[in-house]
PDB file of N, CA and C in Angstrom:
ATOM      1  N   MET A   1     -17.730   6.740  11.263  1.00  0.00           N
ATOM      2  CA  MET A   1     -18.936   6.130  10.749  1.00  0.00           C
ATOM      3  C   MET A   1     -19.662   5.445  11.900  1.00  0.00           C
ATOM      4  N   MET A   2     -20.947   5.682  12.021  1.00  0.00           N
ATOM      5  CA  MET A   2     -21.739   5.063  13.073  1.00  0.00           C
ATOM      6  C   MET A   2     -22.254   3.706  12.607  1.00  0.00           C
ATOM      7  N   TYR A   3     -22.268   2.754  13.509  1.00  0.00           N
ATOM      8  CA  TYR A   3     -22.773   1.426  13.194  1.00  0.00           C
ATOM      9  C   TYR A   3     -23.774   0.992  14.244  1.00  0.00           C
ATOM     10  N   CYS A   4     -24.659   0.131  13.839  1.00  0.00           N
ATOM     11  CA  CYS A   4     -25.640  -0.457  14.744  1.00  0.00           C
ATOM     12  C   CYS A   4     -25.258  -1.922  14.923  1.00  0.00           C
ATOM     13  N   ARG A   5     -25.190  -2.392  16.140  1.00  0.00           N
ATOM     14  CA  ARG A   5     -24.823  -3.787  16.397  1.00  0.00           C
ATOM     15  C   ARG A   5     -26.078  -4.637  16.560  1.00  0.00           C
ATOM     16  N   PHE A   6     -26.110  -5.761  15.854  1.00  0.00           N
ATOM     17  CA  PHE A   6     -27.204  -6.706  15.972  1.00  0.00           C
ATOM     18  C   PHE A   6     -26.716  -7.915  16.764  1.00  0.00           C
ATOM     19  N   GLN A   7     -27.605  -8.852  17.014  1.00  0.00           N
ATOM     20  CA  GLN A   7     -27.251 -10.031  17.795  1.00  0.00           C
ATOM     21  C   GLN A   7     -26.141 -10.844  17.151  1.00  0.00           C
ATOM     22  N   ASP A   8     -26.078 -10.875  15.811  1.00  0.00           N
ATOM     23  CA  ASP A   8     -25.030 -11.648  15.157  1.00  0.00           C
ATOM     24  C   ASP A   8     -23.741 -10.840  15.033  1.00  0.00           C
ATOM     25  N   TYR A   9     -23.706  -9.664  15.674  1.00  0.00           N
ATOM     26  CA  TYR A   9     -22.526  -8.809  15.714  1.00  0.00           C
ATOM     27  C   TYR A   9     -22.092  -8.284  14.350  1.00  0.00           C
ATOM     28  N   SER A  10     -23.010  -8.249  13.386  1.00  0.00           N
ATOM     29  CA  SER A  10     -22.674  -7.647  12.108  1.00  0.00           C
ATOM     30  C   SER A  10     -22.705  -6.130  12.262  1.00  0.00           C
ATOM     31  N   ARG A  11     -21.925  -5.468  11.440  1.00  0.00           N
ATOM     32  CA  ARG A  11     -21.876  -4.010  11.507  1.00  0.00           C
ATOM     33  C   ARG A  11     -22.671  -3.449  10.340  1.00  0.00           C
ATOM     34  N   VAL A  12     -23.689  -2.671  10.657  1.00  0.00           N
ATOM     35  CA  VAL A  12     -24.572  -2.113   9.651  1.00  0.00           C
ATOM     36  C   VAL A  12     -24.570  -0.596   9.790  1.00  0.00           C
ATOM     37  N   PRO A  13     -24.395   0.132   8.667  1.00  0.00           N
ATOM     38  CA  PRO A  13     -24.438   1.599   8.751  1.00  0.00           C
ATOM     39  C   PRO A  13     -25.782   2.081   9.282  1.00  0.00           C
ATOM     40  N   VAL A  14     -25.749   3.130  10.096  1.00  0.00           N
ATOM     41  CA  VAL A  14     -26.964   3.654  10.710  1.00  0.00           C
ATOM     42  C   VAL A  14     -27.513   4.831   9.905  1.00  0.00           C
ATOM     43  N   ARG A  15     -26.651   5.752   9.514  1.00  0.00           N
ATOM     44  CA  ARG A  15     -27.107   6.936   8.783  1.00  0.00           C
ATOM     45  C   ARG A  15     -27.129   6.661   7.288  1.00  0.00           C
ATOM     46  N   SER A  16     -28.011   7.341   6.565  1.00  0.00           N
ATOM     47  CA  SER A  16     -28.097   7.129   5.117  1.00  0.00           C
ATOM     48  C   SER A  16     -26.797   7.528   4.429  1.00  0.00           C
ATOM     49  N   LYS A  17     -26.128   8.545   4.943  1.00  0.00           N
ATOM     50  CA  LYS A  17     -24.837   8.967   4.375  1.00  0.00           C
ATOM     51  C   LYS A  17     -23.836   7.813   4.453  1.00  0.00           C
ATOM     52  N   ASP A  18     -23.803   7.122   5.595  1.00  0.00           N
ATOM     53  CA  ASP A  18     -22.889   5.988   5.765  1.00  0.00           C
ATOM     54  C   ASP A  18     -23.261   4.841   4.832  1.00  0.00           C
ATOM     55  N   LEU A  19     -24.566   4.620   4.653  1.00  0.00           N
ATOM     56  CA  LEU A  19     -25.018   3.579   3.744  1.00  0.00           C
ATOM     57  C   LEU A  19     -24.528   3.857   2.329  1.00  0.00           C
ATOM     58  N   TRP A  20     -24.709   5.084   1.852  1.00  0.00           N
ATOM     59  CA  TRP A  20     -24.299   5.407   0.494  1.00  0.00           C
ATOM     60  C   TRP A  20     -22.785   5.393   0.340  1.00  0.00           C
ATOM     61  N   MET A  21     -22.059   5.712   1.389  1.00  0.00           N
ATOM     62  CA  MET A  21     -20.597   5.597   1.333  1.00  0.00           C
ATOM     63  C   MET A  21     -20.203   4.128   1.199  1.00  0.00           C
ATOM     64  N   SER A  22     -20.909   3.243   1.893  1.00  0.00           N
ATOM     65  CA  SER A  22     -20.643   1.810   1.787  1.00  0.00           C
ATOM     66  C   SER A  22     -20.974   1.304   0.386  1.00  0.00           C
ATOM     67  N   VAL A  23     -22.070   1.770  -0.174  1.00  0.00           N
ATOM     68  CA  VAL A  23     -22.443   1.384  -1.533  1.00  0.00           C
ATOM     69  C   VAL A  23     -21.383   1.851  -2.524  1.00  0.00           C
ATOM     70  N   ALA A  24     -20.885   3.070  -2.354  1.00  0.00           N
ATOM     71  CA  ALA A  24     -19.844   3.595  -3.248  1.00  0.00           C
ATOM     72  C   ALA A  24     -18.569   2.768  -3.137  1.00  0.00           C
ATOM     73  N   ARG A  25     -18.202   2.351  -1.914  1.00  0.00           N
ATOM     74  CA  ARG A  25     -17.001   1.517  -1.738  1.00  0.00           C
ATOM     75  C   ARG A  25     -17.186   0.154  -2.403  1.00  0.00           C
ATOM     76  N   MET A  26     -18.380  -0.433  -2.252  1.00  0.00           N
ATOM     77  CA  MET A  26     -18.640  -1.726  -2.901  1.00  0.00           C
ATOM     78  C   MET A  26     -18.579  -1.588  -4.419  1.00  0.00           C
ATOM     79  N   HIS A  27     -19.148  -0.509  -4.954  1.00  0.00           N
ATOM     80  CA  HIS A  27     -19.114  -0.281  -6.398  1.00  0.00           C
ATOM     81  C   HIS A  27     -17.673  -0.108  -6.875  1.00  0.00           C
ATOM     82  N   ASP A  28     -16.871   0.632  -6.124  1.00  0.00           N
ATOM     83  CA  ASP A  28     -15.468   0.843  -6.480  1.00  0.00           C
ATOM     84  C   ASP A  28     -14.699  -0.474  -6.470  1.00  0.00           C
ATOM     85  N   LEU A  29     -14.927  -1.299  -5.454  1.00  0.00           N
ATOM     86  CA  LEU A  29     -14.265  -2.600  -5.373  1.00  0.00           C
ATOM     87  C   LEU A  29     -14.660  -3.482  -6.550  1.00  0.00           C
ATOM     88  N   LYS A  30     -15.954  -3.494  -6.876  1.00  0.00           N
ATOM     89  CA  LYS A  30     -16.431  -4.284  -8.009  1.00  0.00           C
ATOM     90  C   LYS A  30     -15.786  -3.805  -9.299  1.00  0.00           C
ATOM     91  N   GLN A  31     -15.734  -2.486  -9.503  1.00  0.00           N
ATOM     92  CA  GLN A  31     -15.165  -1.938 -10.733  1.00  0.00           C
ATOM     93  C   GLN A  31     -13.675  -2.240 -10.846  1.00  0.00           C
ATOM     94  N   ARG A  32     -12.938  -2.107  -9.729  1.00  0.00           N
ATOM     95  CA  ARG A  32     -11.509  -2.428  -9.763  1.00  0.00           C
ATOM     96  C   ARG A  32     -11.278  -3.900 -10.064  1.00  0.00           C
ATOM     97  N   SER A  33     -12.119  -4.773  -9.508  1.00  0.00           N
ATOM     98  CA  SER A  33     -11.983  -6.205  -9.782  1.00  0.00           C
ATOM     99  C   SER A  33     -12.244  -6.498 -11.248  1.00  0.00           C
ATOM    100  N   LEU A  34     -13.304  -5.926 -11.801  1.00  0.00           N
ATOM    101  CA  LEU A  34     -13.606  -6.132 -13.212  1.00  0.00           C
ATOM    102  C   LEU A  34     -12.508  -5.582 -14.114  1.00  0.00           C
ATOM    103  N   ASP A  35     -11.942  -4.439 -13.747  1.00  0.00           N
ATOM    104  CA  ASP A  35     -10.831  -3.875 -14.527  1.00  0.00           C
ATOM    105  C   ASP A  35      -9.632  -4.810 -14.529  1.00  0.00           C
ATOM    106  N   GLN A  36      -9.324  -5.399 -13.374  1.00  0.00           N
ATOM    107  CA  GLN A  36      -8.204  -6.341 -13.295  1.00  0.00           C
ATOM    108  C   GLN A  36      -8.479  -7.587 -14.120  1.00  0.00           C
ATOM    109  N   TRP A  37      -9.706  -8.066 -14.096  1.00  0.00           N
ATOM    110  CA  TRP A  37     -10.061  -9.240 -14.905  1.00  0.00           C
ATOM    111  C   TRP A  37      -9.920  -8.920 -16.386  1.00  0.00           C
ATOM    112  N   ASN A  38     -10.378  -7.734 -16.793  1.00  0.00           N
ATOM    113  CA  ASN A  38     -10.255  -7.343 -18.201  1.00  0.00           C
ATOM    114  C   ASN A  38      -8.796  -7.229 -18.619  1.00  0.00           C
ATOM    115  N   GLU A  39      -7.960  -6.651 -17.765  1.00  0.00           N
ATOM    116  CA  GLU A  39      -6.540  -6.540 -18.066  1.00  0.00           C
ATOM    117  C   GLU A  39      -5.879  -7.910 -18.184  1.00  0.00           C
ATOM    118  N   ALA A  40      -6.339  -8.858 -17.390  1.00  0.00           N
ATOM    119  CA  ALA A  40      -5.783 -10.208 -17.409  1.00  0.00           C
ATOM    120  C   ALA A  40      -6.358 -11.039 -18.549  1.00  0.00           C
ATOM    121  N   GLY A  41      -7.379 -10.529 -19.236  1.00  0.00           N
ATOM    122  CA  GLY A  41      -7.981 -11.262 -20.340  1.00  0.00           C
ATOM    123  C   GLY A  41      -8.940 -12.354 -19.907  1.00  0.00           C
ATOM    124  N   VAL A  42      -9.517 -12.218 -18.733  1.00  0.00           N
ATOM    125  CA  VAL A  42     -10.465 -13.225 -18.236  1.00  0.00           C
ATOM    126  C   VAL A  42     -11.786 -13.067 -18.978  1.00  0.00           C
ATOM    127  N   ASP A  43     -12.249 -14.157 -19.590  1.00  0.00           N
ATOM    128  CA  ASP A  43     -13.525 -14.138 -20.305  1.00  0.00           C
ATOM    129  C   ASP A  43     -14.637 -14.807 -19.515  1.00  0.00           C
ATOM    130  N   VAL A  44     -14.294 -15.825 -18.728  1.00  0.00           N
ATOM    131  CA  VAL A  44     -15.294 -16.603 -18.010  1.00  0.00           C
ATOM    132  C   VAL A  44     -14.806 -16.865 -16.592  1.00  0.00           C
ATOM    133  N   VAL A  45     -15.717 -16.766 -15.639  1.00  0.00           N
ATOM    134  CA  VAL A  45     -15.410 -17.119 -14.257  1.00  0.00           C
ATOM    135  C   VAL A  45     -16.382 -18.229 -13.862  1.00  0.00           C
ATOM    136  N   VAL A  46     -15.853 -19.384 -13.516  1.00  0.00           N
ATOM    137  CA  VAL A  46     -16.689 -20.519 -13.121  1.00  0.00           C
ATOM    138  C   VAL A  46     -16.684 -20.594 -11.598  1.00  0.00           C
ATOM    139  N   CYS A  47     -17.867 -20.493 -11.015  1.00  0.00           N
ATOM    140  CA  CYS A  47     -18.006 -20.504  -9.558  1.00  0.00           C
ATOM    141  C   CYS A  47     -18.997 -21.596  -9.153  1.00  0.00           C
ATOM    142  N   PRO A  48     -18.854 -22.105  -7.937  1.00  0.00           N
ATOM    143  CA  PRO A  48     -19.846 -23.078  -7.473  1.00  0.00           C
ATOM    144  C   PRO A  48     -21.207 -22.397  -7.291  1.00  0.00           C
ATOM    145  N   VAL A  49     -22.252 -23.159  -7.557  1.00  0.00           N
ATOM    146  CA  VAL A  49     -23.610 -22.620  -7.445  1.00  0.00           C
ATOM    147  C   VAL A  49     -24.050 -22.553  -5.992  1.00  0.00           C
ATOM    148  N   PHE A  50     -23.662 -23.548  -5.215  1.00  0.00           N
ATOM    149  CA  PHE A  50     -24.066 -23.620  -3.814  1.00  0.00           C
ATOM    150  C   PHE A  50     -22.859 -23.482  -2.903  1.00  0.00           C
ATOM    151  N   ALA A  51     -23.086 -23.021  -1.697  1.00  0.00           N
ATOM    152  CA  ALA A  51     -21.987 -22.861  -0.741  1.00  0.00           C
ATOM    153  C   ALA A  51     -21.539 -24.201  -0.174  1.00  0.00           C
ATOM    154  N   CYS A  52     -22.421 -25.197  -0.212  1.00  0.00           N
ATOM    155  CA  CYS A  52     -22.104 -26.519   0.334  1.00  0.00           C
ATOM    156  C   CYS A  52     -21.767 -27.484  -0.797  1.00  0.00           C
ATOM    157  N   PRO A  53     -20.877 -28.430  -0.547  1.00  0.00           N
ATOM    158  CA  PRO A  53     -20.575 -29.421  -1.582  1.00  0.00           C
ATOM    159  C   PRO A  53     -21.763 -30.349  -1.815  1.00  0.00           C
ATOM    160  N   ALA A  54     -21.781 -30.976  -2.975  1.00  0.00           N
ATOM    161  CA  ALA A  54     -22.862 -31.902  -3.314  1.00  0.00           C
ATOM    162  C   ALA A  54     -22.801 -33.119  -2.391  1.00  0.00           C
ATOM    163  N   THR A  55     -23.963 -33.683  -2.123  1.00  0.00           N
ATOM    164  CA  THR A  55     -24.042 -34.881  -1.290  1.00  0.00           C
ATOM    165  C   THR A  55     -24.520 -36.053  -2.139  1.00  0.00           C
ATOM    166  N   THR A  56     -24.358 -37.229  -1.619  1.00  0.00           N
ATOM    167  CA  THR A  56     -24.868 -38.421  -2.299  1.00  0.00           C
ATOM    168  C   THR A  56     -26.383 -38.505  -2.062  1.00  0.00           C
ATOM    169  N   LEU A  57     -27.057 -39.315  -2.838  1.00  0.00           N
ATOM    170  CA  LEU A  57     -28.497 -39.460  -2.672  1.00  0.00           C
ATOM    171  C   LEU A  57     -28.851 -40.021  -1.300  1.00  0.00           C
ATOM    172  N   ASP A  58     -28.020 -40.936  -0.797  1.00  0.00           N
ATOM    173  CA  ASP A  58     -28.289 -41.495   0.535  1.00  0.00           C
ATOM    174  C   ASP A  58     -28.206 -40.420   1.619  1.00  0.00           C
ATOM    175  N   ALA A  59     -27.231 -39.566   1.528  1.00  0.00           N
ATOM    176  CA  ALA A  59     -27.067 -38.523   2.533  1.00  0.00           C
ATOM    177  C   ALA A  59     -28.179 -37.492   2.436  1.00  0.00           C
ATOM    178  N   ALA A  60     -28.665 -37.225   1.226  1.00  0.00           N
ATOM    179  CA  ALA A  60     -29.716 -36.243   1.041  1.00  0.00           C
ATOM    180  C   ALA A  60     -31.014 -36.690   1.722  1.00  0.00           C
ATOM    181  N   ASN A  61     -31.276 -37.990   1.753  1.00  0.00           N
ATOM    182  CA  ASN A  61     -32.503 -38.497   2.396  1.00  0.00           C
ATOM    183  C   ASN A  61     -32.517 -38.226   3.902  1.00  0.00           C
ATOM    184  N   LYS A  62     -31.379 -38.078   4.501  1.00  0.00           N
ATOM    185  CA  LYS A  62     -31.315 -37.825   5.941  1.00  0.00           C
ATOM    186  C   LYS A  62     -31.843 -36.427   6.289  1.00  0.00           C
ATOM    187  N   TYR A  63     -31.742 -35.486   5.336  1.00  0.00           N
ATOM    188  CA  TYR A  63     -32.113 -34.111   5.610  1.00  0.00           C
ATOM    189  C   TYR A  63     -33.556 -33.782   5.235  1.00  0.00           C
ATOM    190  N   VAL A  64     -34.225 -34.715   4.569  1.00  0.00           N
ATOM    191  CA  VAL A  64     -35.594 -34.456   4.114  1.00  0.00           C
ATOM    192  C   VAL A  64     -36.596 -34.971   5.101  1.00  0.00           C
TER     193      VAL A  64
END
């Protein structure tokens, strides 16, 4: 598979065939994960909304 390197060193598919193969792998991973959740009886997944933890009001004023 050919990749194009960017400044942040991420690997991105170059050819459309490689892109669609990556999409198929992501879809397969998603489907397998959902199948495992269904088998385990998971009804709800609670995730954090933001990647960073909440700050106090005083700390928030420093960033504005």
